[in-house]
N, C-alpha and C. Protein backbone atom coordinates (compact mmCIF):
# COMPACT_ATOMS: atom_id res chain seq x y z
N MET A 1 0.85 -1.19 0.00
CA MET A 1 0.00 0.00 0.00
C MET A 1 0.89 1.24 0.00
N ARG A 2 0.47 2.24 -0.69
CA ARG A 2 1.26 3.45 -0.87
C ARG A 2 1.66 4.10 0.46
N ASP A 3 0.76 4.14 1.42
CA ASP A 3 1.03 4.84 2.68
C ASP A 3 1.61 3.91 3.75
N LYS A 4 2.10 2.76 3.35
CA LYS A 4 2.78 1.81 4.23
C LYS A 4 1.92 1.36 5.41
N TYR A 5 0.61 1.25 5.18
CA TYR A 5 -0.32 0.76 6.20
C TYR A 5 -0.25 1.56 7.49
N GLN A 6 -0.10 2.89 7.35
CA GLN A 6 -0.10 3.74 8.53
C GLN A 6 -0.83 5.05 8.22
N CYS A 7 -1.25 5.72 9.28
CA CYS A 7 -1.92 7.01 9.14
C CYS A 7 -0.91 8.04 8.65
N VAL A 8 -1.23 8.75 7.57
CA VAL A 8 -0.29 9.73 7.04
C VAL A 8 -0.25 11.00 7.88
N SER A 9 -1.20 11.18 8.77
CA SER A 9 -1.24 12.37 9.60
C SER A 9 -0.43 12.19 10.89
N CYS A 10 -0.69 11.12 11.63
CA CYS A 10 -0.02 10.93 12.92
C CYS A 10 1.00 9.79 12.92
N GLY A 11 0.98 8.95 11.88
CA GLY A 11 1.94 7.86 11.77
C GLY A 11 1.57 6.59 12.50
N LYS A 12 0.37 6.52 13.08
CA LYS A 12 -0.03 5.31 13.80
C LYS A 12 -0.04 4.11 12.86
N LYS A 13 0.43 2.99 13.39
CA LYS A 13 0.42 1.73 12.66
C LYS A 13 -0.45 0.74 13.41
N GLN A 14 -0.81 -0.32 12.75
CA GLN A 14 -1.59 -1.40 13.34
C GLN A 14 -2.92 -0.91 13.92
N VAL A 15 -3.54 0.02 13.21
CA VAL A 15 -4.88 0.50 13.55
C VAL A 15 -5.74 0.41 12.30
N GLN A 16 -7.03 0.45 12.48
CA GLN A 16 -7.92 0.44 11.32
C GLN A 16 -7.81 1.79 10.62
N LEU A 17 -7.58 1.75 9.32
CA LEU A 17 -7.40 2.96 8.54
C LEU A 17 -8.61 3.22 7.64
N GLN A 18 -8.80 4.48 7.30
CA GLN A 18 -9.88 4.87 6.40
C GLN A 18 -9.30 5.71 5.27
N ALA A 19 -9.93 5.62 4.12
CA ALA A 19 -9.53 6.45 2.98
C ALA A 19 -10.20 7.82 3.12
N HIS A 20 -9.42 8.86 2.92
CA HIS A 20 -9.92 10.23 3.02
C HIS A 20 -9.65 10.93 1.70
N HIS A 21 -10.66 11.58 1.14
CA HIS A 21 -10.49 12.35 -0.09
C HIS A 21 -9.79 13.67 0.24
N ILE A 22 -8.72 13.97 -0.46
CA ILE A 22 -8.03 15.25 -0.29
C ILE A 22 -8.93 16.37 -0.80
N VAL A 23 -9.42 16.23 -2.02
CA VAL A 23 -10.44 17.12 -2.56
C VAL A 23 -11.75 16.34 -2.49
N HIS A 24 -12.68 16.82 -1.70
CA HIS A 24 -13.92 16.10 -1.47
C HIS A 24 -14.72 15.92 -2.75
N GLN A 25 -15.46 14.83 -2.80
CA GLN A 25 -16.27 14.53 -3.97
C GLN A 25 -17.28 15.64 -4.25
N SER A 26 -17.79 16.26 -3.21
CA SER A 26 -18.76 17.35 -3.39
C SER A 26 -18.13 18.57 -4.06
N GLN A 27 -16.79 18.62 -4.05
CA GLN A 27 -16.06 19.71 -4.68
C GLN A 27 -15.38 19.26 -5.97
N GLY A 28 -15.81 18.12 -6.49
CA GLY A 28 -15.27 17.62 -7.74
C GLY A 28 -14.13 16.64 -7.61
N GLY A 29 -13.79 16.25 -6.38
CA GLY A 29 -12.72 15.29 -6.17
C GLY A 29 -13.09 13.91 -6.68
N LYS A 30 -12.11 13.20 -7.16
CA LYS A 30 -12.35 11.88 -7.74
C LYS A 30 -11.85 10.77 -6.82
N ASP A 31 -12.31 9.55 -7.09
CA ASP A 31 -11.85 8.37 -6.36
C ASP A 31 -10.59 7.81 -7.02
N THR A 32 -9.52 8.58 -6.96
CA THR A 32 -8.25 8.15 -7.54
C THR A 32 -7.20 8.07 -6.44
N ILE A 33 -6.18 7.28 -6.68
CA ILE A 33 -5.09 7.14 -5.70
C ILE A 33 -4.49 8.49 -5.35
N LYS A 34 -4.34 9.36 -6.33
CA LYS A 34 -3.74 10.68 -6.09
C LYS A 34 -4.60 11.56 -5.19
N ASN A 35 -5.89 11.27 -5.10
CA ASN A 35 -6.79 12.09 -4.31
C ASN A 35 -7.19 11.43 -2.99
N LEU A 36 -6.58 10.32 -2.63
CA LEU A 36 -6.92 9.62 -1.40
C LEU A 36 -5.70 9.48 -0.50
N ILE A 37 -5.91 9.63 0.80
CA ILE A 37 -4.87 9.35 1.79
C ILE A 37 -5.48 8.44 2.85
N THR A 38 -4.62 7.75 3.58
CA THR A 38 -5.11 6.87 4.65
C THR A 38 -4.94 7.57 5.99
N LEU A 39 -6.00 7.52 6.78
CA LEU A 39 -6.02 8.14 8.10
C LEU A 39 -6.59 7.17 9.12
N CYS A 40 -6.11 7.26 10.37
CA CYS A 40 -6.73 6.50 11.45
C CYS A 40 -8.06 7.18 11.79
N GLN A 41 -8.87 6.52 12.58
CA GLN A 41 -10.20 7.05 12.90
C GLN A 41 -10.11 8.42 13.55
N GLN A 42 -9.17 8.61 14.46
CA GLN A 42 -9.05 9.89 15.17
C GLN A 42 -8.70 11.02 14.20
N CYS A 43 -7.72 10.80 13.35
CA CYS A 43 -7.32 11.84 12.39
C CYS A 43 -8.40 12.06 11.33
N PHE A 44 -9.08 10.99 10.92
CA PHE A 44 -10.18 11.12 9.97
C PHE A 44 -11.26 12.03 10.54
N THR A 45 -11.61 11.83 11.81
CA THR A 45 -12.63 12.64 12.46
C THR A 45 -12.18 14.10 12.54
N LEU A 46 -10.93 14.34 12.89
CA LEU A 46 -10.42 15.71 12.96
C LEU A 46 -10.45 16.39 11.60
N LYS A 47 -10.03 15.69 10.56
CA LYS A 47 -10.04 16.26 9.20
C LYS A 47 -11.47 16.55 8.76
N PHE A 48 -12.40 15.64 9.08
CA PHE A 48 -13.79 15.82 8.70
C PHE A 48 -14.37 17.06 9.39
N ARG A 49 -14.05 17.24 10.66
CA ARG A 49 -14.54 18.41 11.40
C ARG A 49 -13.96 19.70 10.82
N GLU A 50 -12.69 19.66 10.40
CA GLU A 50 -12.07 20.85 9.81
C GLU A 50 -12.80 21.27 8.54
N THR A 51 -13.24 20.30 7.76
CA THR A 51 -13.91 20.64 6.50
C THR A 51 -15.31 21.19 6.73
N LEU A 52 -15.91 20.88 7.88
CA LEU A 52 -17.23 21.41 8.19
C LEU A 52 -17.18 22.82 8.74
N ALA A 53 -16.03 23.21 9.27
CA ALA A 53 -15.89 24.53 9.90
C ALA A 53 -15.83 25.66 8.88
């Protein structure tokens, strides 16, 4: 896997990871490798909250 099976934000390993769109689909982002990063649940939640603010 491109991100070495770790969260690209905090570096946590051996946790469940989620795909996060860099450019959200609602803003025209696509489901491509270049537009996705892997995040742990905690970082995913923080990034999601940032986009709502």
